[in-house]
């Protein structure tokens, strides 16, 4: 699938990284790739390559293949700071990525997400079951407003997060969304936040405690 960048778009010069694994939601990932490119952003798909040059993943509903050659284990702090946003999508992506070889080990994707939370210039976007990837590092969302899939509400509260019954919630440098069905609202929010930033990437995100999009109890 080839994406064509739109010159002069709201995200021209920006880079959005998206974590990937098998059982991804095809319409969601396709929407991000097209929508962010439409605004001029470069989109990088990242996964754990396990020493391979690339891996072809299969979608959850339509069994569509998607080949990824971006290695998340090669993302050092300098490269991480070059991303304007890091997105953890819905589906089983986060559960597969949080696998560690030992019970007390830390998965590379979890480590990358922890480092991203330590970089306030990187917008973190987590949608639906993507919150699973936060479970091993619950301290990064403790006390923060979030939303997630209805099945994960108890998980969010057990992590110490403040669950908000809205489709999209913004808390500083963190954007969360309820489900893959809300990927259009989620992407719109990410685009608006990135576009609103000045050219100076050291500027901090808006400090409002919570902004919400959508209605309570939305599907």
Protein backbone atom coordinates (compact mmCIF):
# COMPACT_ATOMS: atom_id res chain seq x y z
CA UNK A 1 0.00 0.00 0.00
CA UNK A 2 1.55 3.28 -1.13
CA UNK A 3 0.66 6.54 0.59
CA UNK A 4 1.14 9.91 -1.06
CA UNK A 5 2.01 12.82 1.18
CA UNK A 6 0.09 16.02 0.76
CA UNK A 7 2.39 19.00 0.44
CA UNK A 8 1.46 21.93 2.63
CA UNK A 9 -0.77 19.85 4.90
CA UNK A 10 -1.25 20.56 8.59
CA UNK A 11 1.34 17.89 9.51
CA UNK A 12 3.96 18.61 6.85
CA UNK A 13 7.35 17.83 8.36
CA UNK A 14 5.85 15.73 11.18
CA UNK A 15 6.43 12.02 11.78
CA UNK A 16 3.93 9.64 13.37
CA UNK A 17 5.03 6.18 14.54
CA UNK A 18 2.50 3.36 14.93
CA UNK A 19 3.20 0.09 16.74
CA UNK A 20 2.19 -3.04 14.83
CA UNK A 21 1.60 -6.78 15.32
CA UNK A 22 -0.69 -9.53 14.05
CA UNK A 23 -4.44 -9.24 14.71
CA UNK A 24 -4.37 -5.53 13.94
CA UNK A 25 -7.66 -3.90 12.93
CA UNK A 26 -7.33 -3.30 9.19
CA UNK A 27 -9.71 -0.33 8.76
CA UNK A 28 -8.10 1.45 11.71
CA UNK A 29 -4.51 1.12 10.49
CA UNK A 30 -5.48 1.95 6.90
CA UNK A 31 -7.28 5.05 8.16
CA UNK A 32 -4.24 6.29 10.08
CA UNK A 33 -1.86 5.71 7.19
CA UNK A 34 -4.07 7.56 4.72
CA UNK A 35 -5.32 10.30 7.04
CA UNK A 36 -1.95 11.30 8.48
CA UNK A 37 -0.35 11.20 5.01
CA UNK A 38 -3.20 13.37 3.72
CA UNK A 39 -2.06 16.00 6.22
CA UNK A 40 1.55 15.66 5.09
CA UNK A 41 2.95 13.46 7.87
CA UNK A 42 5.44 10.63 7.45
CA UNK A 43 4.03 7.42 8.96
CA UNK A 44 6.42 4.80 10.36
CA UNK A 45 5.17 1.33 11.29
CA UNK A 46 7.22 -0.25 14.07
CA UNK A 47 7.34 -3.76 15.53
CA UNK A 48 9.69 -6.21 17.18
CA UNK A 49 11.43 -7.86 14.22
CA UNK A 50 13.15 -10.63 16.18
CA UNK A 51 16.30 -10.28 14.05
CA UNK A 52 14.43 -10.42 10.74
CA UNK A 53 14.44 -7.79 8.00
CA UNK A 54 10.65 -7.61 8.00
CA UNK A 55 7.54 -9.42 9.22
CA UNK A 56 4.20 -9.76 7.46
CA UNK A 57 1.27 -9.47 9.85
CA UNK A 58 -2.30 -10.61 9.30
CA UNK A 59 -5.30 -8.44 10.09
CA UNK A 60 -7.94 -9.49 12.60
CA UNK A 61 -11.16 -9.34 10.58
CA UNK A 62 -10.28 -9.57 6.89
CA UNK A 63 -6.99 -11.50 7.24
CA UNK A 64 -5.21 -8.91 5.12
CA UNK A 65 -1.39 -9.01 5.08
CA UNK A 66 0.76 -6.01 5.97
CA UNK A 67 4.56 -6.10 5.89
CA UNK A 68 6.46 -4.06 8.49
CA UNK A 69 10.21 -3.42 8.39
CA UNK A 70 10.54 -0.80 11.13
CA UNK A 71 12.36 -2.27 14.14
CA UNK A 72 11.21 -0.76 17.44
CA UNK A 73 14.30 -2.15 19.16
CA UNK A 74 16.43 0.15 17.01
CA UNK A 75 14.63 3.27 18.23
CA UNK A 76 17.14 4.98 20.52
CA UNK A 77 16.31 8.12 22.50
CA UNK A 78 17.48 10.45 19.72
CA UNK A 79 15.28 8.77 17.14
CA UNK A 80 12.38 8.64 19.59
CA UNK A 81 12.58 12.40 20.08
CA UNK A 82 12.29 12.73 16.30
CA UNK A 83 8.77 11.33 16.41
CA UNK A 84 5.95 13.80 16.91
CA UNK A 85 3.55 11.07 18.01
CA UNK A 86 3.70 7.41 19.01
CA UNK A 87 0.45 5.49 18.62
CA UNK A 88 -0.56 2.22 20.28
CA UNK A 89 -3.48 0.92 18.19
CA UNK A 90 -6.41 -1.32 19.07
CA UNK A 91 -6.92 -5.05 18.53
CA UNK A 92 -4.42 -7.59 19.86
CA UNK A 93 -1.36 -5.53 18.88
CA UNK A 94 -0.48 -4.39 22.40
CA UNK A 95 -1.03 -7.80 24.00
CA UNK A 96 1.34 -9.46 21.52
CA UNK A 97 3.92 -6.69 21.87
CA UNK A 98 4.05 -6.90 25.67
CA UNK A 99 5.43 -10.44 25.54
CA UNK A 100 8.70 -10.81 27.46
CA UNK A 101 10.93 -13.88 27.51
CA UNK A 102 10.93 -14.10 31.30
CA UNK A 103 8.12 -13.49 33.84
CA UNK A 104 9.92 -10.48 35.29
CA UNK A 105 11.30 -9.23 31.99
CA UNK A 106 10.32 -6.08 30.14
CA UNK A 107 9.17 -6.32 26.54
CA UNK A 108 11.01 -3.97 24.14
CA UNK A 109 7.71 -2.29 23.18
CA UNK A 110 6.95 -1.60 26.84
CA UNK A 111 10.41 -0.10 27.27
CA UNK A 112 9.88 2.09 24.21
CA UNK A 113 6.55 3.31 25.55
CA UNK A 114 8.05 4.09 28.96
CA UNK A 115 10.79 6.12 27.30
CA UNK A 116 8.17 7.91 25.20
CA UNK A 117 6.32 8.93 28.36
CA UNK A 118 9.59 10.42 29.61
CA UNK A 119 9.70 12.63 26.48
CA UNK A 120 7.06 15.37 26.85
CA UNK A 121 7.55 16.48 23.22
CA UNK A 122 6.28 13.11 21.96
CA UNK A 123 2.49 12.87 21.86
CA UNK A 124 1.35 9.46 23.13
CA UNK A 125 -1.82 8.09 21.51
CA UNK A 126 -3.42 4.96 23.00
CA UNK A 127 -6.72 3.59 21.73
CA UNK A 128 -9.02 0.79 22.85
CA UNK A 129 -7.10 -2.34 24.00
CA UNK A 130 -3.84 -0.46 23.43
CA UNK A 131 -3.98 0.29 27.14
CA UNK A 132 -2.79 -3.29 27.72
CA UNK A 133 0.73 -2.16 26.79
CA UNK A 134 0.65 0.28 29.71
CA UNK A 135 -0.11 -2.40 32.33
CA UNK A 136 3.57 -3.20 33.09
CA UNK A 137 4.32 0.53 33.53
CA UNK A 138 1.11 1.63 35.22
CA UNK A 139 2.85 4.51 36.94
CA UNK A 140 2.84 6.50 33.66
CA UNK A 141 -0.96 6.84 33.77
CA UNK A 142 -1.52 6.85 37.52
CA UNK A 143 -3.84 9.73 38.38
CA UNK A 144 -4.31 10.72 34.73
CA UNK A 145 -7.68 10.91 32.92
CA UNK A 146 -8.02 8.19 30.27
CA UNK A 147 -10.65 6.36 28.28
CA UNK A 148 -10.49 2.85 26.83
CA UNK A 149 -12.61 -0.06 25.62
CA UNK A 150 -15.42 -0.91 28.01
CA UNK A 151 -13.76 -4.28 28.71
CA UNK A 152 -10.69 -2.50 30.10
CA UNK A 153 -12.36 -0.01 32.44
CA UNK A 154 -11.49 -2.10 35.49
CA UNK A 155 -7.94 -2.48 34.21
CA UNK A 156 -7.59 1.29 33.83
CA UNK A 157 -8.81 1.84 37.36
CA UNK A 158 -6.51 -0.87 38.72
CA UNK A 159 -3.61 0.96 37.04
CA UNK A 160 -4.56 4.00 39.09
CA UNK A 161 -5.82 5.98 36.10
CA UNK A 162 -8.95 8.15 36.23
CA UNK A 163 -11.42 6.56 33.80
CA UNK A 164 -13.52 9.09 31.86
CA UNK A 165 -16.63 7.88 30.01
CA UNK A 166 -15.90 9.71 26.75
CA UNK A 167 -14.90 8.65 23.23
CA UNK A 168 -11.62 10.61 23.27
CA UNK A 169 -9.76 12.10 26.23
CA UNK A 170 -6.74 14.43 26.12
CA UNK A 171 -4.50 14.80 29.16
CA UNK A 172 -1.41 16.85 28.37
CA UNK A 173 0.83 14.73 26.11
CA UNK A 174 -1.52 11.72 26.26
CA UNK A 175 -4.52 11.05 23.99
CA UNK A 176 -6.72 8.02 24.65
CA UNK A 177 -9.76 6.77 22.75
CA UNK A 178 -12.50 4.26 23.47
CA UNK A 179 -12.38 1.82 20.53
CA UNK A 180 -11.33 1.26 16.92
CA UNK A 181 -14.75 2.56 15.92
CA UNK A 182 -13.56 5.96 17.18
CA UNK A 183 -10.28 5.98 15.23
CA UNK A 184 -11.52 8.91 13.13
CA UNK A 185 -12.11 11.05 16.24
CA UNK A 186 -8.80 9.86 17.69
CA UNK A 187 -6.87 10.73 14.51
CA UNK A 188 -8.61 14.11 14.26
CA UNK A 189 -7.54 14.92 17.82
CA UNK A 190 -3.94 13.85 17.19
CA UNK A 191 -3.83 15.97 14.01
CA UNK A 192 -5.26 19.02 15.79
CA UNK A 193 -2.80 18.73 18.68
CA UNK A 194 0.22 18.30 16.43
CA UNK A 195 -0.86 21.11 14.11
CA UNK A 196 -1.38 23.47 17.05
CA UNK A 197 2.19 23.16 18.20
CA UNK A 198 4.72 25.76 17.25
CA UNK A 199 7.73 24.97 15.10
CA UNK A 200 9.70 24.77 18.33
CA UNK A 201 9.32 21.09 19.25
CA UNK A 202 10.59 21.75 22.76
CA UNK A 203 7.32 23.48 23.57
CA UNK A 204 5.15 21.60 26.03
CA UNK A 205 1.68 20.28 25.38
CA UNK A 206 -1.45 22.01 26.60
CA UNK A 207 -1.73 21.65 30.34
CA UNK A 208 -5.50 21.37 30.69
CA UNK A 209 -6.27 18.44 32.97
CA UNK A 210 -8.72 16.86 30.55
CA UNK A 211 -10.34 17.59 27.19
CA UNK A 212 -13.03 15.29 25.90
CA UNK A 213 -14.47 14.50 22.48
CA UNK A 214 -17.65 12.55 21.84
CA UNK A 215 -20.48 11.66 24.16
CA UNK A 216 -20.64 9.47 27.26
CA UNK A 217 -21.44 5.85 26.57
CA UNK A 218 -20.46 6.13 22.89
CA UNK A 219 -19.80 2.93 21.01
